[in-house]
Amino acid sequence: MRRGRRGGSTNVCDGLVGLTGADEITRAEVRLWPTAYRFRHGHRIRVQISSGAFPRYNRNPGTGEPRATVPTLRAADQLVFHDRDHPSAIILPVRSRD
């Protein structure tokens, strides 16, 4: 893993989930892949929500068609709601320094 530089970021872990109903508000629970990382005092955690991460992962055409044979791609915008009717949370386990 590459060390983060001042003002930069380092990818620590990924979690992938596929959603249907592109034009609907949908609840998604994303389980991160197992990892261990020590965040030092003053460091911040960044969460990135996206429609894909090609070429790292297979492209997401945004159409619901089979990924291997789809002829067209559709751009997608992601919205994360975080109000009383649509609560959002990021839950990270914390281990003490035993």
C-alpha atoms as a PDB file:
ATOM      1  CA  MET A   1       0.000   0.000   0.000  1.00  0.00           C
ATOM      2  CA  ARG A   2       1.301   3.445  -0.904  1.00  0.00           C
ATOM      3  CA  ARG A   3       1.699   5.977   1.898  1.00  0.00           C
ATOM      4  CA  GLY A   4      -0.635   8.956   1.653  1.00  0.00           C
ATOM      5  CA  ARG A   5       0.918  12.322   0.986  1.00  0.00           C
ATOM      6  CA  ARG A   6      -0.129  15.603   2.516  1.00  0.00           C
ATOM      7  CA  GLY A   7      -3.538  16.435   1.047  1.00  0.00           C
ATOM      8  CA  GLY A   8      -3.739  13.095  -0.762  1.00  0.00           C
ATOM      9  CA  SER A   9      -5.563   9.886  -0.081  1.00  0.00           C
ATOM     10  CA  THR A  10      -4.778   6.184   0.006  1.00  0.00           C
ATOM     11  CA  ASN A  11      -7.245   3.453  -0.840  1.00  0.00           C
ATOM     12  CA  VAL A  12      -7.533   1.207   2.215  1.00  0.00           C
ATOM     13  CA  CYS A  13     -10.483  -1.017   1.359  1.00  0.00           C
ATOM     14  CA  ASP A  14     -13.209  -1.571  -1.228  1.00  0.00           C
ATOM     15  CA  GLY A  15     -16.806  -2.672  -1.032  1.00  0.00           C
ATOM     16  CA  LEU A  16     -18.981  -3.317  -4.064  1.00  0.00           C
ATOM     17  CA  VAL A  17     -22.735  -3.599  -4.375  1.00  0.00           C
ATOM     18  CA  GLY A  18     -24.936  -3.595  -7.457  1.00  0.00           C
ATOM     19  CA  LEU A  19     -28.237  -1.713  -7.364  1.00  0.00           C
ATOM     20  CA  THR A  20     -31.269  -1.807  -9.631  1.00  0.00           C
ATOM     21  CA  GLY A  21     -33.974   0.804  -9.972  1.00  0.00           C
ATOM     22  CA  ALA A  22     -31.683   3.600 -11.095  1.00  0.00           C
ATOM     23  CA  ASP A  23     -34.286   6.339 -10.752  1.00  0.00           C
ATOM     24  CA  GLU A  24     -35.510   5.305  -7.291  1.00  0.00           C
ATOM     25  CA  ILE A  25     -34.257   5.995  -3.787  1.00  0.00           C
ATOM     26  CA  THR A  26     -32.707   2.707  -2.710  1.00  0.00           C
ATOM     27  CA  ARG A  27     -31.117   1.606   0.554  1.00  0.00           C
ATOM     28  CA  ALA A  28     -27.723  -0.014   0.109  1.00  0.00           C
ATOM     29  CA  GLU A  29     -25.638  -1.809   2.690  1.00  0.00           C
ATOM     30  CA  VAL A  30     -22.037  -2.041   1.550  1.00  0.00           C
ATOM     31  CA  ARG A  31     -19.839  -4.477   3.422  1.00  0.00           C
ATOM     32  CA  LEU A  32     -16.178  -3.619   3.157  1.00  0.00           C
ATOM     33  CA  TRP A  33     -13.670  -6.348   2.482  1.00  0.00           C
ATOM     34  CA  PRO A  34     -11.730  -7.452   5.566  1.00  0.00           C
ATOM     35  CA  THR A  35      -8.802  -5.200   6.359  1.00  0.00           C
ATOM     36  CA  ALA A  36      -6.865  -3.688   9.218  1.00  0.00           C
ATOM     37  CA  TYR A  37      -5.574  -0.146   9.161  1.00  0.00           C
ATOM     38  CA  ARG A  38      -4.405   2.274  11.791  1.00  0.00           C
ATOM     39  CA  PHE A  39      -5.682   5.799  11.293  1.00  0.00           C
ATOM     40  CA  ARG A  40      -3.304   8.124  13.049  1.00  0.00           C
ATOM     41  CA  HIS A  41      -4.456  11.076  15.121  1.00  0.00           C
ATOM     42  CA  GLY A  42      -5.581  13.898  12.829  1.00  0.00           C
ATOM     43  CA  HIS A  43      -6.174  11.664   9.798  1.00  0.00           C
ATOM     44  CA  ARG A  44      -9.551  11.756   8.103  1.00  0.00           C
ATOM     45  CA  ILE A  45     -11.600   9.050   6.426  1.00  0.00           C
ATOM     46  CA  ARG A  46     -12.862   9.611   2.906  1.00  0.00           C
ATOM     47  CA  VAL A  47     -15.712   7.575   1.441  1.00  0.00           C
ATOM     48  CA  GLN A  48     -16.128   7.501  -2.319  1.00  0.00           C
ATOM     49  CA  ILE A  49     -19.432   6.525  -3.922  1.00  0.00           C
ATOM     50  CA  SER A  50     -19.272   5.825  -7.644  1.00  0.00           C
ATOM     51  CA  SER A  51     -20.896   3.909 -10.472  1.00  0.00           C
ATOM     52  CA  GLY A  52     -17.736   2.026 -11.309  1.00  0.00           C
ATOM     53  CA  ALA A  53     -13.977   1.847 -11.074  1.00  0.00           C
ATOM     54  CA  PHE A  54     -12.843   0.660 -14.496  1.00  0.00           C
ATOM     55  CA  PRO A  55     -10.282  -0.797 -15.166  1.00  0.00           C
ATOM     56  CA  ARG A  56      -9.851  -1.934 -11.551  1.00  0.00           C
ATOM     57  CA  TYR A  57     -13.282  -3.593 -11.706  1.00  0.00           C
ATOM     58  CA  ASN A  58     -15.437  -4.576 -14.640  1.00  0.00           C
ATOM     59  CA  ARG A  59     -17.130  -1.535 -16.199  1.00  0.00           C
ATOM     60  CA  ASN A  60     -20.658  -0.645 -15.187  1.00  0.00           C
ATOM     61  CA  PRO A  61     -22.650   0.306 -18.287  1.00  0.00           C
ATOM     62  CA  GLY A  62     -25.454   1.863 -16.214  1.00  0.00           C
ATOM     63  CA  THR A  63     -28.125   0.210 -18.342  1.00  0.00           C
ATOM     64  CA  GLY A  64     -28.773  -3.055 -16.498  1.00  0.00           C
ATOM     65  CA  GLU A  65     -27.721  -5.024 -19.575  1.00  0.00           C
ATOM     66  CA  PRO A  66     -25.099  -7.805 -19.416  1.00  0.00           C
ATOM     67  CA  ARG A  67     -21.708  -6.184 -18.804  1.00  0.00           C
ATOM     68  CA  ALA A  68     -19.803  -8.323 -21.297  1.00  0.00           C
ATOM     69  CA  THR A  69     -21.976  -7.552 -24.329  1.00  0.00           C
ATOM     70  CA  VAL A  70     -23.622  -4.177 -23.724  1.00  0.00           C
ATOM     71  CA  PRO A  71     -23.200  -1.853 -26.757  1.00  0.00           C
ATOM     72  CA  THR A  72     -23.871   1.484 -25.034  1.00  0.00           C
ATOM     73  CA  LEU A  73     -22.890   3.168 -21.791  1.00  0.00           C
ATOM     74  CA  ARG A  74     -25.109   5.477 -19.729  1.00  0.00           C
ATOM     75  CA  ALA A  75     -23.727   8.108 -17.351  1.00  0.00           C
ATOM     76  CA  ALA A  76     -25.039   7.999 -13.796  1.00  0.00           C
ATOM     77  CA  ASP A  77     -25.084  10.444 -10.893  1.00  0.00           C
ATOM     78  CA  GLN A  78     -24.973   9.207  -7.308  1.00  0.00           C
ATOM     79  CA  LEU A  79     -26.894  10.875  -4.491  1.00  0.00           C
ATOM     80  CA  VAL A  80     -26.466   9.965  -0.841  1.00  0.00           C
ATOM     81  CA  PHE A  81     -29.410  11.094   1.267  1.00  0.00           C
ATOM     82  CA  HIS A  82     -28.794  11.921   4.915  1.00  0.00           C
ATOM     83  CA  ASP A  83     -31.898  13.483   6.373  1.00  0.00           C
ATOM     84  CA  ARG A  84     -34.566  12.395   8.885  1.00  0.00           C
ATOM     85  CA  ASP A  85     -36.473  10.336   6.303  1.00  0.00           C
ATOM     86  CA  HIS A  86     -33.345   8.848   4.734  1.00  0.00           C
ATOM     87  CA  PRO A  87     -30.733   8.326   7.457  1.00  0.00           C
ATOM     88  CA  SER A  88     -27.203   7.377   6.443  1.00  0.00           C
ATOM     89  CA  ALA A  89     -24.415   5.966   8.553  1.00  0.00           C
ATOM     90  CA  ILE A  90     -20.881   4.726   8.277  1.00  0.00           C
ATOM     91  CA  ILE A  91     -20.117   2.170  10.972  1.00  0.00           C
ATOM     92  CA  LEU A  92     -16.484   1.248  11.462  1.00  0.00           C
ATOM     93  CA  PRO A  93     -15.312  -1.184  14.132  1.00  0.00           C
ATOM     94  CA  VAL A  94     -12.699   0.214  16.497  1.00  0.00           C
ATOM     95  CA  ARG A  95     -10.150  -1.845  18.350  1.00  0.00           C
ATOM     96  CA  SER A  96      -8.433  -0.490  21.423  1.00  0.00           C
ATOM     97  CA  ARG A  97      -4.659  -0.550  21.880  1.00  0.00           C
ATOM     98  CA  ASP A  98      -4.393  -3.644  24.085  1.00  0.00           C
END
